[in-house]
Amino acid sequence: MRRIIYHREIQIVFKSDADLKEQALEKARLEGITLKALLTMAMRAYVEDELEIFFGRKNEKRELSPPKRFESPIRPLKQKRNQEK
């Protein structure tokens, strides 16, 4: 049986600092990717818990145990999807 997967795209519009956007765009171009690809990868990594959000200095030592997280409604959906495979 052939499985059909539908892929939907939407447009996201948000305000950003113009200089920051230009710097990100230039760095992405130097690395051979588009700004859209960079933002999509960041969103995907965040949803899949592969991107850690940390506010602090770059070299600041962090405690080993992560802070308490809220329970995301996405996690149960992801687990259910993995069980169906």
Protein backbone atom coordinates (compact mmCIF):
# COMPACT_ATOMS: atom_id res chain seq x y z
CA MET A 1 0.00 0.00 0.00
CA ARG A 2 1.32 3.40 -0.97
CA ARG A 3 1.35 6.08 1.69
CA ILE A 4 0.74 9.69 0.68
CA ILE A 5 2.22 12.40 2.86
CA TYR A 6 0.92 15.92 2.50
CA HIS A 7 3.30 18.79 3.15
CA ARG A 8 1.81 22.15 4.08
CA GLU A 9 3.68 25.40 4.21
CA ILE A 10 2.57 28.66 5.75
CA GLN A 11 4.10 32.09 5.72
CA ILE A 12 5.42 33.42 9.01
CA VAL A 13 5.76 37.16 9.43
CA PHE A 14 7.47 38.78 12.41
CA LYS A 15 9.42 41.94 13.16
CA SER A 16 13.14 41.72 13.78
CA ASP A 17 16.06 44.07 14.20
CA ALA A 18 17.23 44.97 10.68
CA ASP A 19 20.94 44.70 11.51
CA LEU A 20 20.49 41.31 13.16
CA LYS A 21 18.55 40.03 10.14
CA GLU A 22 21.27 41.23 7.74
CA GLN A 23 24.03 39.66 9.85
CA ALA A 24 22.15 36.34 10.01
CA LEU A 25 21.45 36.48 6.27
CA GLU A 26 25.10 37.14 5.45
CA LYS A 27 26.36 34.37 7.74
CA ALA A 28 23.83 31.91 6.30
CA ARG A 29 24.93 32.82 2.75
CA LEU A 30 28.57 32.23 3.68
CA GLU A 31 27.58 28.78 4.98
CA GLY A 32 25.64 28.05 1.79
CA ILE A 33 22.10 28.07 3.18
CA THR A 34 19.16 30.43 3.01
CA LEU A 35 17.77 32.33 5.96
CA LYS A 36 14.53 30.36 5.51
CA ALA A 37 16.48 27.09 5.82
CA LEU A 38 18.27 28.35 8.94
CA LEU A 39 15.03 29.38 10.66
CA THR A 40 13.30 26.13 9.65
CA MET A 41 16.20 24.07 11.03
CA ALA A 42 16.11 26.06 14.28
CA MET A 43 12.34 25.54 14.66
CA ARG A 44 12.64 21.82 13.92
CA ALA A 45 15.51 21.40 16.39
CA TYR A 46 13.54 23.26 19.06
CA VAL A 47 10.42 21.12 18.57
CA GLU A 48 12.49 17.92 18.66
CA ASP A 49 14.27 19.02 21.88
CA GLU A 50 17.60 19.28 20.08
CA LEU A 51 17.95 23.01 20.70
CA GLU A 52 18.50 24.21 24.23
CA ILE A 53 17.44 27.73 25.13
CA PHE A 54 19.83 29.21 27.67
CA PHE A 55 20.13 32.81 28.73
CA GLY A 56 23.57 33.54 30.12
CA ARG A 57 27.12 34.20 29.09
CA LYS A 58 28.65 31.92 26.48
CA ASN A 59 31.28 30.39 28.78
CA GLU A 60 29.17 30.46 31.92
CA LYS A 61 29.02 27.12 33.73
CA ARG A 62 25.55 25.67 34.03
CA GLU A 63 24.22 23.25 36.57
CA LEU A 64 24.08 19.65 35.37
CA SER A 65 20.42 19.02 36.02
CA PRO A 66 18.14 20.92 33.64
CA PRO A 67 15.48 23.20 35.06
CA LYS A 68 11.91 21.95 35.27
CA ARG A 69 10.17 22.13 31.92
CA PHE A 70 6.56 22.56 31.09
CA GLU A 71 4.90 19.55 29.47
CA SER A 72 4.62 20.26 25.77
CA PRO A 73 1.54 19.01 23.92
CA ILE A 74 3.86 18.13 21.02
CA ARG A 75 5.80 15.48 22.96
CA PRO A 76 2.80 13.10 23.40
CA LEU A 77 1.96 13.49 19.70
CA LYS A 78 5.54 12.69 18.74
CA GLN A 79 5.57 9.60 20.98
CA LYS A 80 2.24 8.43 19.54
CA ARG A 81 3.57 8.91 15.99
CA ASN A 82 6.72 6.88 16.82
CA GLN A 83 4.60 4.05 18.27
CA GLU A 84 2.56 3.85 15.05
CA LYS A 85 5.69 3.24 12.94
